[in-house]
Amino acid sequence: MRDLIFKFGTEQVSIKVNFKQLQFCKLEGGFYKYAPIDGLRLSTSGIIKEFPDLKNKSDKAIRRIAIQRFKDHIKELNTEQEVEDYLKEDLKKHGYKLVFRKRPGFRKQKVK
């Protein structure tokens, strides 16, 4: 299991990677509640930018298909390291920067 902490502007987002299960959390205040990707707010315009073939579908269908494609892609990856690398590269395109990585039993490591 790994925790990846990304920074986007002034906000920080944590992604908990437990092999092929991902949970997302916005780090603010003192309480952190992790949620699966189904619980995230996703921008329809951002989804269409990533998957142009979904342009003519309804908002609910776009969201459902995009989440399923994401889950399918994660299932194809073999290790937690591959999932971490994929998330790092994919989120970099959208302005997120990986700042910390945490593994169980170790201190939080700053990423250069």
PDB file of N, CA and C in Angstrom:
ATOM      1  N   MET A   1       0.841  -1.167   0.000  1.00  0.00           N
ATOM      2  CA  MET A   1       0.000   0.000   0.000  1.00  0.00           C
ATOM      3  C   MET A   1       0.895   1.242   0.000  1.00  0.00           C
ATOM      4  N   ARG A   2       0.471   2.256  -0.745  1.00  0.00           N
ATOM      5  CA  ARG A   2       1.228   3.496  -0.829  1.00  0.00           C
ATOM      6  C   ARG A   2       0.270   4.669  -0.757  1.00  0.00           C
ATOM      7  N   ASP A   3       0.757   5.758  -0.228  1.00  0.00           N
ATOM      8  CA  ASP A   3       0.026   7.022  -0.266  1.00  0.00           C
ATOM      9  C   ASP A   3       0.833   7.971  -1.134  1.00  0.00           C
ATOM     10  N   LEU A   4       0.166   8.582  -2.086  1.00  0.00           N
ATOM     11  CA  LEU A   4       0.794   9.566  -2.964  1.00  0.00           C
ATOM     12  C   LEU A   4       0.114  10.902  -2.708  1.00  0.00           C
ATOM     13  N   ILE A   5       0.912  11.925  -2.443  1.00  0.00           N
ATOM     14  CA  ILE A   5       0.345  13.248  -2.175  1.00  0.00           C
ATOM     15  C   ILE A   5       0.762  14.181  -3.308  1.00  0.00           C
ATOM     16  N   PHE A   6      -0.256  14.718  -3.980  1.00  0.00           N
ATOM     17  CA  PHE A   6      -0.056  15.609  -5.116  1.00  0.00           C
ATOM     18  C   PHE A   6      -0.445  17.023  -4.717  1.00  0.00           C
ATOM     19  N   LYS A   7       0.196  17.997  -5.348  1.00  0.00           N
ATOM     20  CA  LYS A   7      -0.131  19.388  -5.108  1.00  0.00           C
ATOM     21  C   LYS A   7      -0.642  19.992  -6.409  1.00  0.00           C
ATOM     22  N   PHE A   8      -1.731  20.747  -6.313  1.00  0.00           N
ATOM     23  CA  PHE A   8      -2.296  21.449  -7.454  1.00  0.00           C
ATOM     24  C   PHE A   8      -2.635  22.849  -6.973  1.00  0.00           C
ATOM     25  N   GLY A   9      -1.816  23.808  -7.325  1.00  0.00           N
ATOM     26  CA  GLY A   9      -1.996  25.161  -6.805  1.00  0.00           C
ATOM     27  C   GLY A   9      -1.771  25.157  -5.312  1.00  0.00           C
ATOM     28  N   THR A  10      -2.797  25.545  -4.558  1.00  0.00           N
ATOM     29  CA  THR A  10      -2.660  25.572  -3.098  1.00  0.00           C
ATOM     30  C   THR A  10      -3.270  24.349  -2.431  1.00  0.00           C
ATOM     31  N   GLU A  11      -3.956  23.506  -3.182  1.00  0.00           N
ATOM     32  CA  GLU A  11      -4.586  22.340  -2.564  1.00  0.00           C
ATOM     33  C   GLU A  11      -3.719  21.094  -2.707  1.00  0.00           C
ATOM     34  N   GLN A  12      -3.911  20.168  -1.777  1.00  0.00           N
ATOM     35  CA  GLN A  12      -3.207  18.897  -1.813  1.00  0.00           C
ATOM     36  C   GLN A  12      -4.226  17.768  -1.876  1.00  0.00           C
ATOM     37  N   VAL A  13      -3.888  16.771  -2.688  1.00  0.00           N
ATOM     38  CA  VAL A  13      -4.749  15.617  -2.876  1.00  0.00           C
ATOM     39  C   VAL A  13      -3.934  14.374  -2.584  1.00  0.00           C
ATOM     40  N   SER A  14      -4.526  13.442  -1.846  1.00  0.00           N
ATOM     41  CA  SER A  14      -3.854  12.188  -1.530  1.00  0.00           C
ATOM     42  C   SER A  14      -4.554  11.052  -2.261  1.00  0.00           C
ATOM     43  N   ILE A  15      -3.751  10.146  -2.799  1.00  0.00           N
ATOM     44  CA  ILE A  15      -4.285   8.945  -3.428  1.00  0.00           C
ATOM     45  C   ILE A  15      -3.678   7.754  -2.719  1.00  0.00           C
ATOM     46  N   LYS A  16      -4.533   6.908  -2.182  1.00  0.00           N
ATOM     47  CA  LYS A  16      -4.091   5.693  -1.497  1.00  0.00           C
ATOM     48  C   LYS A  16      -4.161   4.557  -2.508  1.00  0.00           C
ATOM     49  N   VAL A  17      -3.005   3.949  -2.788  1.00  0.00           N
ATOM     50  CA  VAL A  17      -2.913   2.855  -3.757  1.00  0.00           C
ATOM     51  C   VAL A  17      -2.747   1.564  -2.980  1.00  0.00           C
ATOM     52  N   ASN A  18      -3.747   0.712  -3.049  1.00  0.00           N
ATOM     53  CA  ASN A  18      -3.674  -0.602  -2.428  1.00  0.00           C
ATOM     54  C   ASN A  18      -3.805  -1.617  -3.552  1.00  0.00           C
ATOM     55  N   PHE A  19      -2.688  -1.921  -4.174  1.00  0.00           N
ATOM     56  CA  PHE A  19      -2.554  -2.717  -5.395  1.00  0.00           C
ATOM     57  C   PHE A  19      -3.442  -2.146  -6.488  1.00  0.00           C
ATOM     58  N   LYS A  20      -4.629  -2.672  -6.716  1.00  0.00           N
ATOM     59  CA  LYS A  20      -5.449  -2.146  -7.809  1.00  0.00           C
ATOM     60  C   LYS A  20      -6.654  -1.353  -7.311  1.00  0.00           C
ATOM     61  N   GLN A  21      -6.700  -1.132  -6.017  1.00  0.00           N
ATOM     62  CA  GLN A  21      -7.769  -0.315  -5.451  1.00  0.00           C
ATOM     63  C   GLN A  21      -7.216   1.071  -5.148  1.00  0.00           C
ATOM     64  N   LEU A  22      -7.913   2.079  -5.612  1.00  0.00           N
ATOM     65  CA  LEU A  22      -7.492   3.458  -5.383  1.00  0.00           C
ATOM     66  C   LEU A  22      -8.549   4.185  -4.570  1.00  0.00           C
ATOM     67  N   GLN A  23      -8.081   5.016  -3.652  1.00  0.00           N
ATOM     68  CA  GLN A  23      -8.970   5.879  -2.889  1.00  0.00           C
ATOM     69  C   GLN A  23      -8.385   7.285  -2.930  1.00  0.00           C
ATOM     70  N   PHE A  24      -9.261   8.271  -3.037  1.00  0.00           N
ATOM     71  CA  PHE A  24      -8.857   9.650  -3.221  1.00  0.00           C
ATOM     72  C   PHE A  24      -9.323  10.492  -2.046  1.00  0.00           C
ATOM     73  N   CYS A  25      -8.535  11.526  -1.715  1.00  0.00           N
ATOM     74  CA  CYS A  25      -8.866  12.392  -0.598  1.00  0.00           C
ATOM     75  C   CYS A  25      -8.278  13.778  -0.850  1.00  0.00           C
ATOM     76  N   LYS A  26      -9.058  14.813  -0.544  1.00  0.00           N
ATOM     77  CA  LYS A  26      -8.556  16.179  -0.590  1.00  0.00           C
ATOM     78  C   LYS A  26      -8.082  16.524   0.814  1.00  0.00           C
ATOM     79  N   LEU A  27      -6.820  16.907   0.951  1.00  0.00           N
ATOM     80  CA  LEU A  27      -6.243  17.176   2.267  1.00  0.00           C
ATOM     81  C   LEU A  27      -6.519  18.619   2.668  1.00  0.00           C
ATOM     82  N   GLU A  28      -7.484  18.796   3.543  1.00  0.00           N
ATOM     83  CA  GLU A  28      -7.781  20.112   4.087  1.00  0.00           C
ATOM     84  C   GLU A  28      -8.414  19.928   5.452  1.00  0.00           C
ATOM     85  N   GLY A  29      -8.138  20.841   6.339  1.00  0.00           N
ATOM     86  CA  GLY A  29      -8.659  20.692   7.697  1.00  0.00           C
ATOM     87  C   GLY A  29      -7.969  19.548   8.416  1.00  0.00           C
ATOM     88  N   GLY A  30      -8.590  19.031   9.441  1.00  0.00           N
ATOM     89  CA  GLY A  30      -7.969  17.962  10.216  1.00  0.00           C
ATOM     90  C   GLY A  30      -8.515  16.583   9.926  1.00  0.00           C
ATOM     91  N   PHE A  31      -9.639  16.502   9.222  1.00  0.00           N
ATOM     92  CA  PHE A  31     -10.262  15.208   8.975  1.00  0.00           C
ATOM     93  C   PHE A  31     -10.124  14.837   7.506  1.00  0.00           C
ATOM     94  N   TYR A  32      -9.647  13.643   7.254  1.00  0.00           N
ATOM     95  CA  TYR A  32      -9.472  13.178   5.883  1.00  0.00           C
ATOM     96  C   TYR A  32     -10.392  11.989   5.668  1.00  0.00           C
ATOM     97  N   LYS A  33     -11.197  12.055   4.658  1.00  0.00           N
ATOM     98  CA  LYS A  33     -12.082  10.953   4.346  1.00  0.00           C
ATOM     99  C   LYS A  33     -11.779  10.506   2.921  1.00  0.00           C
ATOM    100  N   TYR A  34     -11.333   9.283   2.791  1.00  0.00           N
ATOM    101  CA  TYR A  34     -11.006   8.733   1.484  1.00  0.00           C
ATOM    102  C   TYR A  34     -12.266   8.203   0.816  1.00  0.00           C
ATOM    103  N   ALA A  35     -12.307   8.349  -0.498  1.00  0.00           N
ATOM    104  CA  ALA A  35     -13.456   7.873  -1.271  1.00  0.00           C
ATOM    105  C   ALA A  35     -12.940   7.199  -2.542  1.00  0.00           C
ATOM    106  N   PRO A  36     -13.693   6.235  -3.056  1.00  0.00           N
ATOM    107  CA  PRO A  36     -13.313   5.643  -4.345  1.00  0.00           C
ATOM    108  C   PRO A  36     -13.567   6.650  -5.467  1.00  0.00           C
ATOM    109  N   ILE A  37     -13.111   6.338  -6.650  1.00  0.00           N
ATOM    110  CA  ILE A  37     -13.257   7.263  -7.773  1.00  0.00           C
ATOM    111  C   ILE A  37     -14.724   7.569  -8.058  1.00  0.00           C
ATOM    112  N   ASP A  38     -15.611   6.658  -7.719  1.00  0.00           N
ATOM    113  CA  ASP A  38     -17.043   6.897  -7.940  1.00  0.00           C
ATOM    114  C   ASP A  38     -17.550   8.102  -7.151  1.00  0.00           C
ATOM    115  N   GLY A  39     -16.881   8.449  -6.057  1.00  0.00           N
ATOM    116  CA  GLY A  39     -17.308   9.557  -5.222  1.00  0.00           C
ATOM    117  C   GLY A  39     -16.712  10.895  -5.605  1.00  0.00           C
ATOM    118  N   LEU A  40     -15.867  10.936  -6.611  1.00  0.00           N
ATOM    119  CA  LEU A  40     -15.216  12.187  -7.002  1.00  0.00           C
ATOM    120  C   LEU A  40     -16.087  13.013  -7.930  1.00  0.00           C
ATOM    121  N   ARG A  41     -15.890  14.326  -7.863  1.00  0.00           N
ATOM    122  CA  ARG A  41     -16.526  15.217  -8.835  1.00  0.00           C
ATOM    123  C   ARG A  41     -15.611  15.248 -10.049  1.00  0.00           C
ATOM    124  N   LEU A  42     -16.154  14.941 -11.191  1.00  0.00           N
ATOM    125  CA  LEU A  42     -15.363  14.929 -12.418  1.00  0.00           C
ATOM    126  C   LEU A  42     -15.934  15.961 -13.384  1.00  0.00           C
ATOM    127  N   SER A  43     -15.048  16.685 -14.038  1.00  0.00           N
ATOM    128  CA  SER A  43     -15.455  17.696 -14.999  1.00  0.00           C
ATOM    129  C   SER A  43     -15.821  17.030 -16.326  1.00  0.00           C
ATOM    130  N   THR A  44     -17.023  17.307 -16.814  1.00  0.00           N
ATOM    131  CA  THR A  44     -17.460  16.733 -18.095  1.00  0.00           C
ATOM    132  C   THR A  44     -16.562  17.210 -19.226  1.00  0.00           C
ATOM    133  N   SER A  45     -16.183  18.485 -19.194  1.00  0.00           N
ATOM    134  CA  SER A  45     -15.318  19.009 -20.259  1.00  0.00           C
ATOM    135  C   SER A  45     -13.934  18.353 -20.207  1.00  0.00           C
ATOM    136  N   GLY A  46     -13.446  18.069 -18.999  1.00  0.00           N
ATOM    137  CA  GLY A  46     -12.162  17.380 -18.863  1.00  0.00           C
ATOM    138  C   GLY A  46     -12.216  15.954 -19.370  1.00  0.00           C
ATOM    139  N   ILE A  47     -13.335  15.289 -19.121  1.00  0.00           N
ATOM    140  CA  ILE A  47     -13.503  13.915 -19.602  1.00  0.00           C
ATOM    141  C   ILE A  47     -13.545  13.903 -21.129  1.00  0.00           C
ATOM    142  N   ILE A  48     -14.276  14.855 -21.707  1.00  0.00           N
ATOM    143  CA  ILE A  48     -14.376  14.920 -23.169  1.00  0.00           C
ATOM    144  C   ILE A  48     -13.028  15.242 -23.796  1.00  0.00           C
ATOM    145  N   LYS A  49     -12.225  16.059 -23.110  1.00  0.00           N
ATOM    146  CA  LYS A  49     -10.883  16.366 -23.616  1.00  0.00           C
ATOM    147  C   LYS A  49     -10.026  15.096 -23.649  1.00  0.00           C
ATOM    148  N   GLU A  50     -10.191  14.250 -22.632  1.00  0.00           N
ATOM    149  CA  GLU A  50      -9.427  13.007 -22.540  1.00  0.00           C
ATOM    150  C   GLU A  50      -9.994  11.934 -23.469  1.00  0.00           C
ATOM    151  N   PHE A  51     -11.314  11.873 -23.592  1.00  0.00           N
ATOM    152  CA  PHE A  51     -11.985  10.864 -24.422  1.00  0.00           C
ATOM    153  C   PHE A  51     -12.951  11.558 -25.392  1.00  0.00           C
ATOM    154  N   PRO A  52     -12.462  12.061 -26.515  1.00  0.00           N
ATOM    155  CA  PRO A  52     -13.317  12.804 -27.449  1.00  0.00           C
ATOM    156  C   PRO A  52     -14.478  11.983 -28.022  1.00  0.00           C
ATOM    157  N   ASP A  53     -14.365  10.664 -28.027  1.00  0.00           N
ATOM    158  CA  ASP A  53     -15.435   9.831 -28.580  1.00  0.00           C
ATOM    159  C   ASP A  53     -16.705   9.850 -27.722  1.00  0.00           C
ATOM    160  N   LEU A  54     -16.659  10.409 -26.523  1.00  0.00           N
ATOM    161  CA  LEU A  54     -17.823  10.456 -25.640  1.00  0.00           C
ATOM    162  C   LEU A  54     -18.625  11.751 -25.780  1.00  0.00           C
ATOM    163  N   LYS A  55     -18.252  12.582 -26.725  1.00  0.00           N
ATOM    164  CA  LYS A  55     -18.824  13.924 -26.856  1.00  0.00           C
ATOM    165  C   LYS A  55     -20.351  13.945 -26.979  1.00  0.00           C
ATOM    166  N   ASN A  56     -20.948  13.010 -27.684  1.00  0.00           N
ATOM    167  CA  ASN A  56     -22.380  13.039 -27.965  1.00  0.00           C
ATOM    168  C   ASN A  56     -23.226  12.273 -26.951  1.00  0.00           C
ATOM    169  N   LYS A  57     -22.671  11.911 -25.818  1.00  0.00           N
ATOM    170  CA  LYS A  57     -23.405  11.151 -24.813  1.00  0.00           C
ATOM    171  C   LYS A  57     -23.888  12.082 -23.697  1.00  0.00           C
ATOM    172  N   SER A  58     -24.799  11.586 -22.873  1.00  0.00           N
ATOM    173  CA  SER A  58     -25.293  12.379 -21.744  1.00  0.00           C
ATOM    174  C   SER A  58     -24.215  12.488 -20.666  1.00  0.00           C
ATOM    175  N   ASP A  59     -24.374  13.460 -19.767  1.00  0.00           N
ATOM    176  CA  ASP A  59     -23.378  13.680 -18.715  1.00  0.00           C
ATOM    177  C   ASP A  59     -23.189  12.456 -17.825  1.00  0.00           C
ATOM    178  N   LYS A  60     -24.284  11.806 -17.460  1.00  0.00           N
ATOM    179  CA  LYS A  60     -24.185  10.613 -16.605  1.00  0.00           C
ATOM    180  C   LYS A  60     -23.474   9.478 -17.325  1.00  0.00           C
ATOM    181  N   ALA A  61     -23.767   9.307 -18.608  1.00  0.00           N
ATOM    182  CA  ALA A  61     -23.125   8.244 -19.388  1.00  0.00           C
ATOM    183  C   ALA A  61     -21.642   8.534 -19.560  1.00  0.00           C
ATOM    184  N   ILE A  62     -21.304   9.791 -19.811  1.00  0.00           N
ATOM    185  CA  ILE A  62     -19.897  10.185 -19.963  1.00  0.00           C
ATOM    186  C   ILE A  62     -19.122   9.839 -18.700  1.00  0.00           C
ATOM    187  N   ARG A  63     -19.665  10.224 -17.560  1.00  0.00           N
ATOM    188  CA  ARG A  63     -19.004   9.973 -16.281  1.00  0.00           C
ATOM    189  C   ARG A  63     -18.835   8.480 -16.022  1.00  0.00           C
ATOM    190  N   ARG A  64     -19.921   7.726 -16.225  1.00  0.00           N
ATOM    191  CA  ARG A  64     -19.893   6.276 -15.983  1.00  0.00           C
ATOM    192  C   ARG A  64     -18.862   5.581 -16.881  1.00  0.00           C
ATOM    193  N   ILE A  65     -18.837   5.927 -18.166  1.00  0.00           N
ATOM    194  CA  ILE A  65     -17.909   5.296 -19.111  1.00  0.00           C
ATOM    195  C   ILE A  65     -16.465   5.675 -18.785  1.00  0.00           C
ATOM    196  N   ALA A  66     -16.227   6.939 -18.449  1.00  0.00           N
ATOM    197  CA  ALA A  66     -14.864   7.389 -18.123  1.00  0.00           C
ATOM    198  C   ALA A  66     -14.337   6.669 -16.878  1.00  0.00           C
ATOM    199  N   ILE A  67     -15.174   6.527 -15.859  1.00  0.00           N
ATOM    200  CA  ILE A  67     -14.753   5.827 -14.643  1.00  0.00           C
ATOM    201  C   ILE A  67     -14.453   4.367 -14.954  1.00  0.00           C
ATOM    202  N   GLN A  68     -15.284   3.738 -15.765  1.00  0.00           N
ATOM    203  CA  GLN A  68     -15.059   2.335 -16.119  1.00  0.00           C
ATOM    204  C   GLN A  68     -13.762   2.175 -16.909  1.00  0.00           C
ATOM    205  N   ARG A  69     -13.488   3.085 -17.830  1.00  0.00           N
ATOM    206  CA  ARG A  69     -12.233   3.018 -18.598  1.00  0.00           C
ATOM    207  C   ARG A  69     -11.031   3.175 -17.681  1.00  0.00           C
ATOM    208  N   PHE A  70     -11.133   4.081 -16.706  1.00  0.00           N
ATOM    209  CA  PHE A  70     -10.051   4.278 -15.757  1.00  0.00           C
ATOM    210  C   PHE A  70      -9.814   3.005 -14.942  1.00  0.00           C
ATOM    211  N   LYS A  71     -10.897   2.421 -14.435  1.00  0.00           N
ATOM    212  CA  LYS A  71     -10.776   1.185 -13.650  1.00  0.00           C
ATOM    213  C   LYS A  71     -10.187   0.052 -14.482  1.00  0.00           C
ATOM    214  N   ASP A  72     -10.616  -0.067 -15.730  1.00  0.00           N
ATOM    215  CA  ASP A  72     -10.086  -1.110 -16.611  1.00  0.00           C
ATOM    216  C   ASP A  72      -8.597  -0.920 -16.850  1.00  0.00           C
ATOM    217  N   HIS A  73      -8.183   0.327 -17.034  1.00  0.00           N
ATOM    218  CA  HIS A  73      -6.760   0.589 -17.262  1.00  0.00           C
ATOM    219  C   HIS A  73      -5.932   0.238 -16.021  1.00  0.00           C
ATOM    220  N   ILE A  74      -6.435   0.575 -14.855  1.00  0.00           N
ATOM    221  CA  ILE A  74      -5.721   0.247 -13.610  1.00  0.00           C
ATOM    222  C   ILE A  74      -5.607  -1.267 -13.452  1.00  0.00           C
ATOM    223  N   LYS A  75      -6.648  -2.010 -13.821  1.00  0.00           N
ATOM    224  CA  LYS A  75      -6.615  -3.468 -13.714  1.00  0.00           C
ATOM    225  C   LYS A  75      -5.550  -4.080 -14.619  1.00  0.00           C
ATOM    226  N   GLU A  76      -5.228  -3.421 -15.728  1.00  0.00           N
ATOM    227  CA  GLU A  76      -4.218  -3.936 -16.658  1.00  0.00           C
ATOM    228  C   GLU A  76      -2.801  -3.799 -16.113  1.00  0.00           C
ATOM    229  N   LEU A  77      -2.588  -2.866 -15.175  1.00  0.00           N
ATOM    230  CA  LEU A  77      -1.258  -2.652 -14.614  1.00  0.00           C
ATOM    231  C   LEU A  77      -0.941  -3.754 -13.614  1.00  0.00           C
ATOM    232  N   ASN A  78       0.325  -4.175 -13.571  1.00  0.00           N
ATOM    233  CA  ASN A  78       0.705  -5.354 -12.792  1.00  0.00           C
ATOM    234  C   ASN A  78       1.127  -5.081 -11.350  1.00  0.00           C
ATOM    235  N   THR A  79       1.746  -3.953 -11.086  1.00  0.00           N
ATOM    236  CA  THR A  79       2.280  -3.697  -9.750  1.00  0.00           C
ATOM    237  C   THR A  79       1.845  -2.325  -9.247  1.00  0.00           C
ATOM    238  N   GLU A  80       2.011  -2.118  -7.942  1.00  0.00           N
ATOM    239  CA  GLU A  80       1.719  -0.804  -7.365  1.00  0.00           C
ATOM    240  C   GLU A  80       2.634   0.262  -7.955  1.00  0.00           C
ATOM    241  N   GLN A  81       3.864  -0.118  -8.275  1.00  0.00           N
ATOM    242  CA  GLN A  81       4.804   0.850  -8.858  1.00  0.00           C
ATOM    243  C   GLN A  81       4.303   1.317 -10.225  1.00  0.00           C
ATOM    244  N   GLU A  82       3.761   0.397 -11.031  1.00  0.00           N
ATOM    245  CA  GLU A  82       3.216   0.784 -12.332  1.00  0.00           C
ATOM    246  C   GLU A  82       2.008   1.701 -12.162  1.00  0.00           C
ATOM    247  N   VAL A  83       1.166   1.425 -11.169  1.00  0.00           N
ATOM    248  CA  VAL A  83       0.012   2.285 -10.900  1.00  0.00           C
ATOM    249  C   VAL A  83       0.499   3.669 -10.481  1.00  0.00           C
ATOM    250  N   GLU A  84       1.510   3.705  -9.601  1.00  0.00           N
ATOM    251  CA  GLU A  84       2.072   4.979  -9.157  1.00  0.00           C
ATOM    252  C   GLU A  84       2.634   5.773 -10.334  1.00  0.00           C
ATOM    253  N   ASP A  85       3.402   5.107 -11.184  1.00  0.00           N
ATOM    254  CA  ASP A  85       3.990   5.788 -12.345  1.00  0.00           C
ATOM    255  C   ASP A  85       2.914   6.316 -13.283  1.00  0.00           C
ATOM    256  N   TYR A  86       1.864   5.519 -13.497  1.00  0.00           N
ATOM    257  CA  TYR A  86       0.771   5.952 -14.373  1.00  0.00           C
ATOM    258  C   TYR A  86       0.076   7.189 -13.794  1.00  0.00           C
ATOM    259  N   LEU A  87      -0.242   7.154 -12.497  1.00  0.00           N
ATOM    260  CA  LEU A  87      -0.913   8.290 -11.871  1.00  0.00           C
ATOM    261  C   LEU A  87      -0.040   9.539 -11.924  1.00  0.00           C
ATOM    262  N   LYS A  88       1.239   9.364 -11.661  1.00  0.00           N
ATOM    263  CA  LYS A  88       2.164  10.498 -11.673  1.00  0.00           C
ATOM    264  C   LYS A  88       2.194  11.153 -13.050  1.00  0.00           C
ATOM    265  N   GLU A  89       2.334  10.347 -14.100  1.00  0.00           N
ATOM    266  CA  GLU A  89       2.415  10.895 -15.457  1.00  0.00           C
ATOM    267  C   GLU A  89       1.075  11.458 -15.917  1.00  0.00           C
ATOM    268  N   ASP A  90      -0.020  10.784 -15.592  1.00  0.00           N
ATOM    269  CA  ASP A  90      -1.329  11.243 -16.038  1.00  0.00           C
ATOM    270  C   ASP A  90      -1.720  12.547 -15.349  1.00  0.00           C
ATOM    271  N   LEU A  91      -1.483  12.643 -14.065  1.00  0.00           N
ATOM    272  CA  LEU A  91      -1.855  13.859 -13.347  1.00  0.00           C
ATOM    273  C   LEU A  91      -0.917  15.024 -13.655  1.00  0.00           C
ATOM    274  N   LYS A  92       0.311  14.720 -14.063  1.00  0.00           N
ATOM    275  CA  LYS A  92       1.252  15.773 -14.444  1.00  0.00           C
ATOM    276  C   LYS A  92       0.696  16.572 -15.628  1.00  0.00           C
ATOM    277  N   LYS A  93       0.010  15.888 -16.556  1.00  0.00           N
ATOM    278  CA  LYS A  93      -0.580  16.557 -17.719  1.00  0.00           C
ATOM    279  C   LYS A  93      -1.617  17.589 -17.310  1.00  0.00           C
ATOM    280  N   HIS A  94      -2.240  17.376 -16.157  1.00  0.00           N
ATOM    281  CA  HIS A  94      -3.308  18.258 -15.701  1.00  0.00           C
ATOM    282  C   HIS A  94      -2.848  19.260 -14.645  1.00  0.00           C
ATOM    283  N   GLY A  95      -1.545  19.354 -14.426  1.00  0.00           N
ATOM    284  CA  GLY A  95      -1.002  20.356 -13.515  1.00  0.00           C
ATOM    285  C   GLY A  95      -0.742  19.889 -12.097  1.00  0.00           C
ATOM    286  N   TYR A  96      -0.943  18.608 -11.804  1.00  0.00           N
ATOM    287  CA  TYR A  96      -0.677  18.076 -10.469  1.00  0.00           C
ATOM    288  C   TYR A  96       0.781  17.644 -10.380  1.00  0.00           C
ATOM    289  N   LYS A  97       1.393  17.916  -9.231  1.00  0.00           N
ATOM    290  CA  LYS A  97       2.794  17.545  -9.032  1.00  0.00           C
ATOM    291  C   LYS A  97       2.895  16.632  -7.810  1.00  0.00           C
ATOM    292  N   LEU A  98       3.541  15.482  -7.984  1.00  0.00           N
ATOM    293  CA  LEU A  98       3.745  14.559  -6.866  1.00  0.00           C
ATOM    294  C   LEU A  98       4.787  15.166  -5.930  1.00  0.00           C
ATOM    295  N   VAL A  99       4.406  15.378  -4.663  1.00  0.00           N
ATOM    296  CA  VAL A  99       5.330  15.989  -3.713  1.00  0.00           C
ATOM    297  C   VAL A  99       5.795  15.022  -2.622  1.00  0.00           C
ATOM    298  N   PHE A 100       4.933  14.081  -2.220  1.00  0.00           N
ATOM    299  CA  PHE A 100       5.312  13.113  -1.190  1.00  0.00           C
ATOM    300  C   PHE A 100       4.835  11.722  -1.567  1.00  0.00           C
ATOM    301  N   ARG A 101       5.587  10.736  -1.092  1.00  0.00           N
ATOM    302  CA  ARG A 101       5.237   9.327  -1.252  1.00  0.00           C
ATOM    303  C   ARG A 101       5.403   8.677   0.116  1.00  0.00           C
ATOM    304  N   LYS A 102       4.432   7.872   0.518  1.00  0.00           N
ATOM    305  CA  LYS A 102       4.527   7.191   1.817  1.00  0.00           C
ATOM    306  C   LYS A 102       4.215   5.722   1.641  1.00  0.00           C
ATOM    307  N   ARG A 103       5.090   4.902   2.188  1.00  0.00           N
ATOM    308  CA  ARG A 103       4.876   3.453   2.212  1.00  0.00           C
ATOM    309  C   ARG A 103       4.745   3.014   3.657  1.00  0.00           C
ATOM    310  N   PRO A 104       3.994   1.945   3.923  1.00  0.00           N
ATOM    311  CA  PRO A 104       3.818   1.482   5.304  1.00  0.00           C
ATOM    312  C   PRO A 104       5.162   1.151   5.956  1.00  0.00           C
ATOM    313  N   GLY A 105       5.331   1.599   7.181  1.00  0.00           N
ATOM    314  CA  GLY A 105       6.560   1.316   7.923  1.00  0.00           C
ATOM    315  C   GLY A 105       7.685   2.287   7.644  1.00  0.00           C
ATOM    316  N   PHE A 106       7.476   3.242   6.751  1.00  0.00           N
ATOM    317  CA  PHE A 106       8.498   4.220   6.413  1.00  0.00           C
ATOM    318  C   PHE A 106       7.947   5.624   6.645  1.00  0.00           C
ATOM    319  N   ARG A 107       8.847   6.567   6.788  1.00  0.00           N
ATOM    320  CA  ARG A 107       8.431   7.956   6.875  1.00  0.00           C
ATOM    321  C   ARG A 107       8.036   8.459   5.486  1.00  0.00           C
ATOM    322  N   LYS A 108       7.321   9.546   5.495  1.00  0.00           N
ATOM    323  CA  LYS A 108       6.931  10.199   4.261  1.00  0.00           C
ATOM    324  C   LYS A 108       8.193  10.665   3.536  1.00  0.00           C
ATOM    325  N   GLN A 109       8.296  10.398   2.240  1.00  0.00           N
ATOM    326  CA  GLN A 109       9.477  10.793   1.451  1.00  0.00           C
ATOM    327  C   GLN A 109       9.108  11.914   0.501  1.00  0.00           C
ATOM    328  N   LYS A 110       9.930  12.921   0.470  1.00  0.00           N
ATOM    329  CA  LYS A 110       9.719  14.026  -0.467  1.00  0.00           C
ATOM    330  C   LYS A 110      10.197  13.574  -1.839  1.00  0.00           C
ATOM    331  N   VAL A 111       9.415  13.842  -2.855  1.00  0.00           N
ATOM    332  CA  VAL A 111       9.763  13.460  -4.224  1.00  0.00           C
ATOM    333  C   VAL A 111      10.417  14.646  -4.902  1.00  0.00           C
ATOM    334  N   LYS A 112      11.534  14.396  -5.555  1.00  0.00           N
ATOM    335  CA  LYS A 112      12.258  15.479  -6.242  1.00  0.00           C
ATOM    336  C   LYS A 112      11.763  15.681  -7.630  1.00  0.00           C
TER     337      LYS A 112
END
